[in-house]
Amino acid sequence: MATRSDLLMLSCLLLAIAGSANPALASEPPLQPEKPEETGAERAMEEVSKPFGEDEPPPGTAGEPEAEDPCDWELEDEELQEQSREVLRSWSCHSFRWFDGWWGEDQDFDEQAVNGLLTVGARYTEFYGFDPKFRLRVRAPLPNLTRRWDLVFGRVDEEAFVTDTEGQDRTFYNPGAISNRDDDAWLLGLGHMGKQRKSGWDYSVGVRLRLPPEPYVKAQWYYNKDLSERAEFRFRQTFFWRSDRGFGTTGRGDVAYGVSDKNVLRWEAFATTHDKTEGAQWYAGQTWYHLLADRSAFSLRAFIRGETDADVGLKEYGIDMIWRKPFTREWLYLSVGPSVTWPREVPEDQREMSLGINLWLEMEFGRWRY
């Protein structure tokens, strides 16, 4: 003989089946008689008896749409520029979030903090020839590891990146001022996010992605000082170690002076030495930046570089000009400009004028910061 509990269970199952098959019935749950108090088992059976759709729908049934993943791309009805940017942002976001998941899940990953810069272009000079460039830098915080470190991934001028001899203003894609004309390399590293202070230490560790991998370690002491309302002085001393080049250090300083709201002058100089250099590689230059209408600008740079104790002490000097302008989008930039230099790398070279041209596109995504 069926007990009261058996009959209640049977009625619950019948209501559940009817509710899933009949949308009209599913929209209004059956009335239940009021009871002064429910037991845990009865509450559980009521949950089972709810028509599908009131709570989470079971697999294979229609229900409320899932929340959108901020890392997913949105390409519908978008132009080619937006599609390219979205695919790059989405790929970066998913990759960095996956890496952050290695260290736990108790911290929320900030998808909006993923940012990057893609550069595609080439440089041609009569002396060095054609030099194509494809560079990518992507950064994101790692909340599960620590909020004081950024994950850095990209294809960069590895020599200039590790030794801290990149152009001071990367917006204009100044090359590694002390360059061995090496190929760009893929790097993966962790960079310490120092507090916004006038002086202190920053650190980074990483690896060049090749077989076998080539690790590097870098520590940097910086000092910034406002000389006046228009002038600023910056100094950095970088200590680095690379598995293929050993230990080294780079000291660099620059002074920037704002002539007006649209004109800035910058003087910079640095020197670096490591186990593979004869003496110290050095560089000095002066750059004039001028802001034009519609967020376009140009830079004019005069520079000189060389190496002490080398067979040729003065390697190169000259001038270059870069014009930079937003190209169809406010986050997409076109840069182009000529150069005139007098290079000489080895004693057999004749120092002659070498004409050149630079052309590249830059695409930013996220809250990119140089």
Protein backbone atom coordinates (compact mmCIF):
# COMPACT_ATOMS: atom_id res chain seq x y z
CA MET A 1 0.00 0.00 0.00
CA ALA A 2 1.39 3.41 -1.05
CA THR A 3 2.28 5.73 1.76
CA ARG A 4 1.63 9.47 1.85
CA SER A 5 5.32 10.13 1.03
CA ASP A 6 5.21 7.80 -1.98
CA LEU A 7 2.15 9.58 -3.38
CA LEU A 8 3.77 12.98 -2.87
CA MET A 9 6.92 11.89 -4.67
CA LEU A 10 4.91 10.48 -7.61
CA SER A 11 2.91 13.70 -7.96
CA CYS A 12 6.11 15.75 -7.94
CA LEU A 13 7.61 13.70 -10.77
CA LEU A 14 4.41 13.95 -12.83
CA LEU A 15 4.34 17.72 -12.36
CA ALA A 16 7.98 18.01 -13.41
CA ILE A 17 7.40 16.00 -16.60
CA ALA A 18 4.26 17.95 -17.43
CA GLY A 19 5.95 21.25 -16.78
CA SER A 20 8.86 20.48 -19.11
CA ALA A 21 6.55 19.42 -21.93
CA ASN A 22 3.92 22.18 -21.52
CA PRO A 23 5.24 25.79 -21.54
CA ALA A 24 1.90 27.12 -20.39
CA LEU A 25 1.97 24.88 -17.38
CA ALA A 26 5.62 25.72 -16.76
CA SER A 27 4.80 29.40 -16.50
CA GLU A 28 2.59 28.90 -13.45
CA PRO A 29 3.67 26.37 -10.81
CA PRO A 30 0.81 24.44 -9.19
CA LEU A 31 -0.49 25.72 -5.93
CA GLN A 32 0.66 23.85 -2.85
CA PRO A 33 -1.38 23.63 0.34
CA GLU A 34 -0.08 25.76 3.11
CA LYS A 35 1.85 23.85 5.70
CA PRO A 36 2.96 25.15 9.03
CA GLU A 37 6.46 23.78 8.61
CA GLU A 38 8.40 21.93 5.95
CA THR A 39 10.98 19.26 6.48
CA GLY A 40 14.26 19.22 4.61
CA ALA A 41 13.12 16.27 2.47
CA GLU A 42 9.91 18.05 1.46
CA ARG A 43 11.79 21.19 0.49
CA ALA A 44 14.13 19.08 -1.64
CA MET A 45 11.19 17.44 -3.41
CA GLU A 46 9.67 20.84 -4.11
CA GLU A 47 12.89 21.87 -5.78
CA VAL A 48 12.70 18.76 -7.98
CA SER A 49 9.07 19.52 -8.83
CA LYS A 50 9.83 23.04 -10.12
CA PRO A 51 9.32 23.24 -13.89
CA PHE A 52 12.53 23.55 -15.88
CA GLY A 53 13.39 27.19 -16.54
CA GLU A 54 12.58 28.65 -13.13
CA ASP A 55 16.11 27.97 -11.90
CA GLU A 56 19.13 26.88 -13.90
CA PRO A 57 18.02 24.94 -16.99
CA PRO A 58 19.35 21.42 -17.31
CA PRO A 59 21.73 20.57 -20.18
CA GLY A 60 20.09 20.54 -23.57
CA THR A 61 17.13 22.77 -22.65
CA ALA A 62 16.48 26.38 -23.45
CA GLY A 63 16.86 28.90 -20.65
CA GLU A 64 18.30 32.27 -19.79
CA PRO A 65 21.40 33.17 -21.88
CA GLU A 66 24.72 32.72 -20.13
CA ALA A 67 26.63 35.80 -19.06
CA GLU A 68 29.01 37.04 -21.74
CA ASP A 69 32.69 36.31 -21.26
CA PRO A 70 34.63 39.62 -21.34
CA CYS A 71 37.51 37.80 -23.04
CA ASP A 72 35.40 36.65 -26.02
CA TRP A 73 35.56 38.64 -29.22
CA GLU A 74 32.62 40.44 -30.78
CA LEU A 75 32.94 40.47 -34.57
CA GLU A 76 29.34 40.82 -35.75
CA ASP A 77 28.82 43.79 -38.09
CA GLU A 78 32.35 45.08 -37.36
CA GLU A 79 34.83 46.51 -39.85
CA LEU A 80 38.14 44.81 -40.60
CA GLN A 81 40.06 47.11 -38.23
CA GLU A 82 37.78 46.32 -35.29
CA GLN A 83 37.78 42.62 -36.09
CA SER A 84 41.58 42.47 -36.15
CA ARG A 85 41.81 44.35 -32.87
CA GLU A 86 39.15 42.19 -31.19
CA VAL A 87 40.77 38.91 -32.25
CA LEU A 88 44.14 40.05 -30.91
CA ARG A 89 42.62 41.29 -27.64
CA SER A 90 40.55 38.13 -27.15
CA TRP A 91 43.47 35.80 -27.85
CA SER A 92 45.66 37.72 -25.41
CA CYS A 93 42.96 37.82 -22.72
CA HIS A 94 42.23 34.08 -22.83
CA SER A 95 45.94 33.21 -22.85
CA PHE A 96 46.81 35.43 -19.89
CA ARG A 97 43.76 34.33 -17.88
CA TRP A 98 44.71 30.69 -18.48
CA PHE A 99 48.23 31.39 -17.22
CA ASP A 100 46.87 33.24 -14.18
CA GLY A 101 44.68 30.22 -13.41
CA TRP A 102 47.79 28.17 -12.70
CA TRP A 103 48.17 30.03 -9.42
CA GLY A 104 44.63 29.69 -8.05
CA GLU A 105 41.09 30.95 -8.55
CA ASP A 106 40.41 32.98 -5.41
CA GLN A 107 41.21 36.27 -7.17
CA ASP A 108 39.16 37.69 -10.03
CA PHE A 109 41.08 38.21 -13.26
CA ASP A 110 40.60 41.74 -14.62
CA GLU A 111 39.91 41.18 -18.32
CA GLN A 112 39.86 44.93 -18.97
CA ALA A 113 43.46 45.28 -17.77
CA VAL A 114 44.90 43.26 -20.66
CA ASN A 115 46.60 45.71 -23.01
CA GLY A 116 49.01 45.58 -25.89
CA LEU A 117 50.67 47.15 -28.91
CA LEU A 118 51.17 45.53 -32.32
CA THR A 119 53.68 47.04 -34.76
CA VAL A 120 54.06 45.93 -38.37
CA GLY A 121 56.45 47.67 -40.75
CA ALA A 122 59.93 47.87 -42.19
CA ARG A 123 63.06 49.97 -42.31
CA TYR A 124 65.28 50.32 -45.35
CA THR A 125 68.71 51.96 -45.56
CA GLU A 126 71.30 51.84 -48.31
CA PHE A 127 73.94 50.56 -45.88
CA TYR A 128 71.99 47.95 -43.88
CA GLY A 129 69.39 47.00 -46.48
CA PHE A 130 65.79 45.93 -45.90
CA ASP A 131 64.80 45.19 -42.29
CA PRO A 132 61.16 44.03 -41.83
CA LYS A 133 59.67 44.29 -38.35
CA PHE A 134 56.80 42.50 -36.66
CA ARG A 135 56.58 43.37 -32.98
CA LEU A 136 54.01 42.67 -30.30
CA ARG A 137 53.85 43.59 -26.63
CA VAL A 138 51.06 42.40 -24.36
CA ARG A 139 50.78 42.98 -20.61
CA ALA A 140 48.31 41.88 -17.96
CA PRO A 141 48.22 41.68 -14.15
CA LEU A 142 48.39 38.34 -12.36
CA PRO A 143 46.06 38.70 -9.35
CA ASN A 144 46.36 35.04 -8.34
CA LEU A 145 50.16 35.24 -8.25
CA THR A 146 50.59 38.76 -6.91
CA ARG A 147 49.18 42.17 -7.70
CA ARG A 148 52.66 43.65 -7.88
CA TRP A 149 53.74 41.83 -11.05
CA ASP A 150 52.73 42.03 -14.71
CA LEU A 151 53.00 39.20 -17.18
CA VAL A 152 54.79 40.45 -20.30
CA PHE A 153 54.72 38.60 -23.60
CA GLY A 154 55.82 39.78 -27.00
CA ARG A 155 58.11 39.89 -29.96
CA VAL A 156 60.68 42.64 -29.37
CA ASP A 157 64.20 43.81 -30.11
CA GLU A 158 65.58 41.47 -27.47
CA GLU A 159 69.03 43.07 -27.25
CA ALA A 160 67.60 46.54 -26.64
CA PHE A 161 64.85 45.30 -24.31
CA VAL A 162 67.12 43.39 -21.93
CA THR A 163 69.97 45.93 -21.90
CA ASP A 164 67.60 48.93 -21.62
CA THR A 165 68.90 50.61 -24.78
CA GLU A 166 65.54 51.12 -26.49
CA GLY A 167 64.53 54.53 -27.74
CA GLN A 168 63.20 56.61 -24.87
CA ASP A 169 59.96 57.47 -26.64
CA ARG A 170 58.71 54.20 -28.13
CA THR A 171 55.71 56.00 -29.59
CA PHE A 172 57.93 56.96 -32.52
CA TYR A 173 59.50 53.50 -32.74
CA ASN A 174 63.03 54.72 -32.28
CA PRO A 175 65.12 51.59 -32.76
CA GLY A 176 67.48 50.16 -30.22
CA ALA A 177 70.01 52.97 -30.32
CA ILE A 178 72.77 50.46 -29.60
CA SER A 179 71.88 47.67 -32.00
CA ASN A 180 73.61 44.57 -33.31
CA ARG A 181 71.00 44.24 -36.07
CA ASP A 182 69.85 40.97 -34.51
CA ASP A 183 66.50 39.44 -35.40
CA ASP A 184 63.58 40.16 -33.12
CA ALA A 185 62.75 37.45 -30.58
CA TRP A 186 59.75 36.20 -28.61
CA LEU A 187 60.05 36.89 -24.89
CA LEU A 188 57.97 35.81 -21.90
CA GLY A 189 58.61 37.48 -18.58
CA LEU A 190 57.35 38.85 -15.29
CA GLY A 191 57.80 42.55 -14.62
CA HIS A 192 57.54 44.14 -11.17
CA MET A 193 55.07 47.03 -11.02
CA GLY A 194 56.75 49.61 -8.84
CA LYS A 195 54.80 52.31 -7.07
CA GLN A 196 54.56 55.72 -8.67
CA ARG A 197 57.56 57.23 -6.95
CA LYS A 198 60.40 59.53 -7.88
CA SER A 199 62.99 56.84 -7.17
CA GLY A 200 63.14 53.14 -6.44
CA TRP A 201 63.77 49.68 -7.85
CA ASP A 202 62.02 47.65 -10.53
CA TYR A 203 62.70 44.03 -11.43
CA SER A 204 61.92 41.63 -14.24
CA VAL A 205 62.72 38.02 -15.10
CA GLY A 206 61.97 36.14 -18.26
CA VAL A 207 63.08 33.85 -21.01
CA ARG A 208 63.73 34.07 -24.71
CA LEU A 209 61.42 31.51 -26.33
CA ARG A 210 63.71 29.34 -28.38
CA LEU A 211 65.44 25.95 -28.14
CA PRO A 212 67.18 25.86 -25.80
CA PRO A 213 65.47 28.69 -23.85
CA GLU A 214 67.64 31.67 -22.87
CA PRO A 215 66.65 33.21 -19.51
CA TYR A 216 67.39 36.76 -18.37
CA VAL A 217 67.19 38.71 -15.11
CA LYS A 218 67.07 42.48 -14.83
CA ALA A 219 67.13 44.92 -11.88
CA GLN A 220 66.73 48.65 -12.42
CA TRP A 221 67.22 51.62 -10.13
CA TYR A 222 65.52 54.82 -11.30
CA TYR A 223 65.54 58.45 -10.20
CA ASN A 224 63.26 61.21 -11.52
CA LYS A 225 63.36 64.88 -10.64
CA ASP A 226 61.39 67.93 -11.80
CA LEU A 227 63.96 70.62 -12.57
CA SER A 228 61.24 73.22 -13.16
CA GLU A 229 57.65 73.44 -14.31
CA ARG A 230 58.80 72.68 -17.87
CA ALA A 231 61.91 70.54 -17.37
CA GLU A 232 62.29 66.96 -16.12
CA PHE A 233 65.38 64.84 -15.47
CA ARG A 234 65.37 61.02 -15.46
CA PHE A 235 68.14 58.54 -14.70
CA ARG A 236 68.23 54.74 -14.73
CA GLN A 237 70.94 52.24 -13.86
CA THR A 238 70.11 48.74 -15.09
CA PHE A 239 71.89 45.54 -14.07
CA PHE A 240 71.16 42.48 -16.19
CA TRP A 241 72.22 38.89 -16.79
CA ARG A 242 71.60 36.85 -19.91
CA SER A 243 72.54 33.20 -20.32
CA ASP A 244 74.18 33.87 -23.70
CA ARG A 245 75.94 37.16 -22.85
CA GLY A 246 76.65 37.05 -19.14
CA PHE A 247 76.44 40.05 -16.81
CA GLY A 248 76.18 43.66 -17.88
CA THR A 249 75.00 47.11 -16.90
CA THR A 250 73.52 50.17 -18.60
CA GLY A 251 73.41 53.73 -17.32
CA ARG A 252 71.20 56.28 -19.05
CA GLY A 253 69.85 59.74 -18.43
CA ASP A 254 67.71 62.26 -20.27
CA VAL A 255 66.38 65.76 -19.86
CA ALA A 256 63.05 66.79 -21.41
CA TYR A 257 62.08 70.44 -21.77
CA GLY A 258 58.63 71.66 -22.81
CA VAL A 259 59.22 74.70 -24.99
CA SER A 260 55.46 75.16 -25.43
CA ASP A 261 52.28 73.13 -25.37
CA LYS A 262 53.14 71.72 -28.80
CA ASN A 263 56.93 71.48 -28.69
CA VAL A 264 59.21 69.32 -26.55
CA LEU A 265 62.98 68.91 -26.69
CA ARG A 266 64.74 65.84 -25.28
CA TRP A 267 68.43 65.16 -24.77
CA GLU A 268 69.45 61.63 -23.87
CA ALA A 269 72.63 59.61 -23.50
CA PHE A 270 73.51 56.15 -22.29
CA ALA A 271 76.25 53.56 -22.24
CA THR A 272 76.18 49.80 -21.77
CA THR A 273 78.75 47.09 -21.29
CA HIS A 274 78.63 43.31 -20.93
CA ASP A 275 80.82 40.27 -21.43
CA LYS A 276 80.54 40.36 -25.25
CA THR A 277 81.58 43.99 -25.82
CA GLU A 278 85.11 45.29 -26.36
CA GLY A 279 84.49 48.33 -24.19
CA ALA A 280 81.33 50.35 -23.63
CA GLN A 281 78.71 50.90 -26.31
CA TRP A 282 77.44 54.47 -26.11
CA TYR A 283 74.80 56.72 -27.63
CA ALA A 284 73.79 60.39 -27.48
CA GLY A 285 70.95 62.17 -29.21
CA GLN A 286 68.61 65.14 -29.28
CA THR A 287 64.98 64.92 -30.42
CA TRP A 288 62.43 67.62 -31.19
CA TYR A 289 58.76 66.59 -30.89
CA HIS A 290 56.07 68.77 -32.42
CA LEU A 291 52.32 68.21 -32.03
CA LEU A 292 50.17 68.90 -35.09
CA ALA A 293 46.39 69.05 -35.55
CA ASP A 294 44.20 65.92 -35.40
CA ARG A 295 46.54 64.18 -32.92
CA SER A 296 49.29 63.85 -35.53
CA ALA A 297 52.90 64.75 -34.69
CA PHE A 298 56.43 64.51 -35.96
CA SER A 299 59.85 63.98 -34.41
CA LEU A 300 63.25 65.09 -35.68
CA ARG A 301 66.26 63.35 -34.14
CA ALA A 302 70.00 63.91 -34.46
CA PHE A 303 72.16 61.17 -32.93
CA ILE A 304 75.62 59.65 -32.68
CA ARG A 305 76.72 56.22 -31.38
CA GLY A 306 79.91 54.22 -31.00
CA GLU A 307 81.93 51.78 -28.91
CA THR A 308 85.08 52.35 -26.89
CA ASP A 309 88.10 50.07 -27.46
CA ALA A 310 86.62 48.85 -30.76
CA ASP A 311 88.36 48.84 -34.16
CA VAL A 312 85.88 51.53 -35.25
CA GLY A 313 85.06 53.79 -32.33
CA LEU A 314 82.42 55.91 -34.10
CA LYS A 315 79.78 53.55 -35.51
CA GLU A 316 77.13 55.88 -36.90
CA TYR A 317 75.73 59.40 -36.83
CA GLY A 318 72.91 61.13 -38.65
CA ILE A 319 69.35 62.41 -38.48
CA ASP A 320 65.91 60.89 -38.96
CA MET A 321 62.40 62.28 -39.10
CA ILE A 322 59.15 60.48 -38.27
CA TRP A 323 55.63 61.70 -39.02
CA ARG A 324 52.91 59.90 -37.02
CA LYS A 325 49.16 60.19 -37.57
CA PRO A 326 45.97 58.31 -36.55
CA PHE A 327 45.04 56.08 -39.49
CA THR A 328 41.29 55.44 -39.93
CA ARG A 329 40.92 54.84 -36.17
CA GLU A 330 42.05 56.70 -33.05
CA TRP A 331 43.91 53.59 -31.84
CA LEU A 332 45.59 52.81 -35.20
CA TYR A 333 48.64 54.89 -36.19
CA LEU A 334 50.63 55.27 -39.38
CA SER A 335 54.26 56.37 -39.10
CA VAL A 336 56.58 57.22 -41.98
CA GLY A 337 59.77 59.18 -42.40
CA PRO A 338 63.21 59.45 -44.03
CA SER A 339 66.69 59.15 -42.52
CA VAL A 340 70.18 60.28 -43.51
CA THR A 341 73.09 58.59 -41.72
CA TRP A 342 76.83 57.97 -42.05
CA PRO A 343 77.52 54.43 -40.72
CA ARG A 344 80.74 52.44 -40.45
CA GLU A 345 80.80 49.17 -38.52
CA VAL A 346 84.22 47.67 -39.38
CA PRO A 347 87.51 49.15 -40.70
CA GLU A 348 86.83 47.79 -44.20
CA ASP A 349 83.68 49.92 -44.55
CA GLN A 350 83.83 53.31 -46.24
CA ARG A 351 81.93 56.00 -44.36
CA GLU A 352 79.43 57.31 -46.90
CA MET A 353 75.98 58.87 -46.75
CA SER A 354 73.21 56.28 -46.43
CA LEU A 355 69.62 57.25 -47.21
CA GLY A 356 66.75 55.40 -45.60
CA ILE A 357 63.00 55.23 -45.16
CA ASN A 358 60.80 53.97 -42.30
CA LEU A 359 57.19 52.85 -42.59
CA TRP A 360 55.00 51.01 -40.05
CA LEU A 361 51.54 50.67 -38.51
CA GLU A 362 50.82 50.54 -34.78
CA MET A 363 47.62 49.15 -33.27
CA GLU A 364 46.78 49.62 -29.59
CA PHE A 365 44.23 47.67 -27.57
CA GLY A 366 43.20 47.85 -23.94
CA ARG A 367 44.58 50.58 -21.67
CA TRP A 368 47.98 50.52 -23.35
CA ARG A 369 50.73 52.57 -21.71
CA TYR A 370 54.23 53.08 -23.07
